[in-house]
Structures are given as structure tokens and as C-alpha cells.
Amino acid sequence: MDLQDQLKNLFPDHVQEETPDTQENDSGIWLQEDPILCKYEKRKGKPITILEGYTGATEDFKLLAKELKTALSVGGSFKDDKIIIQGDYRDKIMTILKEKGFNVKRVGG
């Protein structure tokens, strides 16, 4: 007899509430309502793409950074709640994130 059955025996009149489904995609990353901002900058003369504005757990954002870096075969890092990708990959990153179910907003030129 598992815990659920024991609880049903102790509280027969209790109706179990359905927990609202959290927004998660197939890789288990939490999806948010607000868009993720995708920026382009040049640092020391080299182009970089910056993603910021994720409100979920930092572990999920790190996992997303790893998935993006492996999908694009580029380097990058995760600092100060921002994903920094080496190179100008705004279009590719936006399509990857939209396929995962994220709202993405392009900031800058």
C-alpha cells in the first residue's frame, strides 16, 4: 500500500486538486511569458550575441546555454544571468528558441 492509498483511507472525503501544469518543453526547461531579449554587441572588435531576461531557475538557463552552444557549435558563457554566445547568431538563436516555445524579442539593429 503506497502513500496515496493510505491518505485515501485516512481522508475519504478529500478531493484531490489538480495541480496546474507548469509550462515546460520537452527538454524540461521552464517557459516564461515575457520575451527573452536577443542583443548584438561588439566587444574588443568581435561580435557577440547576448540573451537576457529569463526569469526561471539559473540551472535551466545554464542548460539552455549549453543546448544553444552545442546546436550552433560555438563558444560562449553564462554570466550575470546572461547567455553570451560568440558571433552574430541572432537569427539562428531566435529560430531555435521559437521552436522550443519561447517568446524572443530582437533588440538592436
C-alpha atoms as a PDB file:
ATOM      1  CA  MET A   1       0.000   0.000   0.000  1.00  0.00           C
ATOM      2  CA  ASP A   2       1.546   3.264  -1.089  1.00  0.00           C
ATOM      3  CA  LEU A   3       1.180   6.694   0.448  1.00  0.00           C
ATOM      4  CA  GLN A   4      -1.699   7.756  -1.809  1.00  0.00           C
ATOM      5  CA  ASP A   5      -3.803   4.767  -0.737  1.00  0.00           C
ATOM      6  CA  GLN A   6      -3.071   5.416   2.933  1.00  0.00           C
ATOM      7  CA  LEU A   7      -4.137   9.032   2.566  1.00  0.00           C
ATOM      8  CA  LYS A   8      -7.356   7.971   0.824  1.00  0.00           C
ATOM      9  CA  ASN A   9      -8.130   5.669   3.750  1.00  0.00           C
ATOM     10  CA  LEU A  10      -7.500   8.424   6.296  1.00  0.00           C
ATOM     11  CA  PHE A  11      -9.379  11.144   4.378  1.00  0.00           C
ATOM     12  CA  PRO A  12     -12.085   9.507   2.242  1.00  0.00           C
ATOM     13  CA  ASP A  13     -13.993  12.765   1.600  1.00  0.00           C
ATOM     14  CA  HIS A  14     -10.954  14.663   0.307  1.00  0.00           C
ATOM     15  CA  VAL A  15     -11.000  15.552  -3.360  1.00  0.00           C
ATOM     16  CA  GLN A  16      -7.517  15.873  -4.805  1.00  0.00           C
ATOM     17  CA  GLU A  17      -6.932  19.161  -6.571  1.00  0.00           C
ATOM     18  CA  GLU A  18      -5.302  19.053  -9.938  1.00  0.00           C
ATOM     19  CA  THR A  19      -2.037  20.901  -9.933  1.00  0.00           C
ATOM     20  CA  PRO A  20      -1.733  23.412 -12.761  1.00  0.00           C
ATOM     21  CA  ASP A  21       0.638  22.277 -15.428  1.00  0.00           C
ATOM     22  CA  THR A  22       3.812  24.296 -15.425  1.00  0.00           C
ATOM     23  CA  GLN A  23       4.950  25.452 -18.794  1.00  0.00           C
ATOM     24  CA  GLU A  24       7.792  23.159 -19.731  1.00  0.00           C
ATOM     25  CA  ASN A  25       9.006  21.974 -23.073  1.00  0.00           C
ATOM     26  CA  ASP A  26      10.351  18.552 -23.979  1.00  0.00           C
ATOM     27  CA  SER A  27      13.786  19.256 -22.505  1.00  0.00           C
ATOM     28  CA  GLY A  28      12.333  20.220 -19.111  1.00  0.00           C
ATOM     29  CA  ILE A  29      13.166  23.934 -19.302  1.00  0.00           C
ATOM     30  CA  TRP A  30      10.575  26.274 -17.822  1.00  0.00           C
ATOM     31  CA  LEU A  31       8.920  28.525 -20.394  1.00  0.00           C
ATOM     32  CA  GLN A  32       8.030  32.078 -19.463  1.00  0.00           C
ATOM     33  CA  GLU A  33       5.507  34.629 -20.624  1.00  0.00           C
ATOM     34  CA  ASP A  34       7.933  37.547 -21.020  1.00  0.00           C
ATOM     35  CA  PRO A  35      10.167  37.500 -24.089  1.00  0.00           C
ATOM     36  CA  ILE A  36      13.868  36.715 -23.911  1.00  0.00           C
ATOM     37  CA  LEU A  37      15.888  39.634 -25.258  1.00  0.00           C
ATOM     38  CA  CYS A  38      18.383  38.822 -28.001  1.00  0.00           C
ATOM     39  CA  LYS A  39      21.040  41.545 -28.425  1.00  0.00           C
ATOM     40  CA  TYR A  40      24.055  42.033 -30.634  1.00  0.00           C
ATOM     41  CA  GLU A  41      27.209  43.770 -29.419  1.00  0.00           C
ATOM     42  CA  LYS A  42      30.831  44.088 -30.326  1.00  0.00           C
ATOM     43  CA  ARG A  43      33.400  43.622 -27.603  1.00  0.00           C
ATOM     44  CA  LYS A  44      37.048  44.181 -28.404  1.00  0.00           C
ATOM     45  CA  GLY A  45      36.110  44.275 -32.087  1.00  0.00           C
ATOM     46  CA  LYS A  46      34.476  40.832 -32.064  1.00  0.00           C
ATOM     47  CA  PRO A  47      30.730  40.222 -32.437  1.00  0.00           C
ATOM     48  CA  ILE A  48      28.756  38.551 -29.643  1.00  0.00           C
ATOM     49  CA  THR A  49      25.108  37.695 -29.118  1.00  0.00           C
ATOM     50  CA  ILE A  50      23.615  38.251 -25.666  1.00  0.00           C
ATOM     51  CA  LEU A  51      20.440  36.611 -24.345  1.00  0.00           C
ATOM     52  CA  GLU A  52      18.876  38.030 -21.200  1.00  0.00           C
ATOM     53  CA  GLY A  53      15.537  38.347 -19.472  1.00  0.00           C
ATOM     54  CA  TYR A  54      14.953  34.730 -18.404  1.00  0.00           C
ATOM     55  CA  THR A  55      13.006  34.579 -15.136  1.00  0.00           C
ATOM     56  CA  GLY A  56      13.254  30.849 -14.413  1.00  0.00           C
ATOM     57  CA  ALA A  57      15.862  28.942 -12.472  1.00  0.00           C
ATOM     58  CA  THR A  58      19.511  29.607 -13.259  1.00  0.00           C
ATOM     59  CA  GLU A  59      20.105  25.876 -13.788  1.00  0.00           C
ATOM     60  CA  ASP A  60      17.510  25.903 -16.579  1.00  0.00           C
ATOM     61  CA  PHE A  61      19.149  28.944 -18.153  1.00  0.00           C
ATOM     62  CA  LYS A  62      22.567  27.257 -17.975  1.00  0.00           C
ATOM     63  CA  LEU A  63      21.075  24.169 -19.613  1.00  0.00           C
ATOM     64  CA  LEU A  64      19.601  26.349 -22.345  1.00  0.00           C
ATOM     65  CA  ALA A  65      23.007  27.987 -22.863  1.00  0.00           C
ATOM     66  CA  LYS A  66      24.641  24.594 -23.250  1.00  0.00           C
ATOM     67  CA  GLU A  67      21.996  23.459 -25.750  1.00  0.00           C
ATOM     68  CA  LEU A  68      22.451  26.624 -27.823  1.00  0.00           C
ATOM     69  CA  LYS A  69      26.243  26.363 -27.833  1.00  0.00           C
ATOM     70  CA  THR A  70      26.168  22.729 -28.948  1.00  0.00           C
ATOM     71  CA  ALA A  71      23.492  23.368 -31.583  1.00  0.00           C
ATOM     72  CA  LEU A  72      25.472  26.244 -33.077  1.00  0.00           C
ATOM     73  CA  SER A  73      28.924  24.680 -32.477  1.00  0.00           C
ATOM     74  CA  VAL A  74      30.256  27.904 -30.980  1.00  0.00           C
ATOM     75  CA  GLY A  75      31.742  29.036 -27.715  1.00  0.00           C
ATOM     76  CA  GLY A  76      30.063  31.112 -25.096  1.00  0.00           C
ATOM     77  CA  SER A  77      29.463  31.575 -21.401  1.00  0.00           C
ATOM     78  CA  PHE A  78      26.843  32.220 -18.760  1.00  0.00           C
ATOM     79  CA  LYS A  79      27.488  35.296 -16.598  1.00  0.00           C
ATOM     80  CA  ASP A  80      25.259  37.581 -14.536  1.00  0.00           C
ATOM     81  CA  ASP A  81      22.026  35.880 -15.707  1.00  0.00           C
ATOM     82  CA  LYS A  82      23.017  36.397 -19.343  1.00  0.00           C
ATOM     83  CA  ILE A  83      23.998  33.941 -22.048  1.00  0.00           C
ATOM     84  CA  ILE A  84      26.897  35.233 -24.127  1.00  0.00           C
ATOM     85  CA  ILE A  85      27.414  33.476 -27.475  1.00  0.00           C
ATOM     86  CA  GLN A  86      30.489  34.185 -29.586  1.00  0.00           C
ATOM     87  CA  GLY A  87      29.492  35.502 -33.006  1.00  0.00           C
ATOM     88  CA  ASP A  88      26.391  37.016 -34.577  1.00  0.00           C
ATOM     89  CA  TYR A  89      23.842  34.194 -34.453  1.00  0.00           C
ATOM     90  CA  ARG A  90      20.700  36.179 -33.647  1.00  0.00           C
ATOM     91  CA  ASP A  91      18.562  34.693 -36.414  1.00  0.00           C
ATOM     92  CA  LYS A  92      19.567  31.092 -35.711  1.00  0.00           C
ATOM     93  CA  ILE A  93      19.163  31.524 -31.951  1.00  0.00           C
ATOM     94  CA  MET A  94      15.739  33.085 -32.378  1.00  0.00           C
ATOM     95  CA  THR A  95      14.529  30.209 -34.567  1.00  0.00           C
ATOM     96  CA  ILE A  96      15.880  27.616 -32.103  1.00  0.00           C
ATOM     97  CA  LEU A  97      14.193  29.329 -29.154  1.00  0.00           C
ATOM     98  CA  LYS A  98      10.902  29.742 -31.025  1.00  0.00           C
ATOM     99  CA  GLU A  99      10.927  26.022 -31.861  1.00  0.00           C
ATOM    100  CA  LYS A 100      11.349  25.318 -28.138  1.00  0.00           C
ATOM    101  CA  GLY A 101       8.348  27.525 -27.375  1.00  0.00           C
ATOM    102  CA  PHE A 102       9.989  30.691 -26.044  1.00  0.00           C
ATOM    103  CA  ASN A 103       8.960  34.246 -26.872  1.00  0.00           C
ATOM    104  CA  VAL A 104      12.003  36.051 -28.269  1.00  0.00           C
ATOM    105  CA  LYS A 105      12.420  39.752 -28.909  1.00  0.00           C
ATOM    106  CA  ARG A 106      15.201  41.118 -31.087  1.00  0.00           C
ATOM    107  CA  VAL A 107      16.841  44.214 -29.616  1.00  0.00           C
ATOM    108  CA  GLY A 108      19.051  46.483 -31.684  1.00  0.00           C
ATOM    109  CA  GLY A 109      19.782  46.588 -35.416  1.00  0.00           C
END
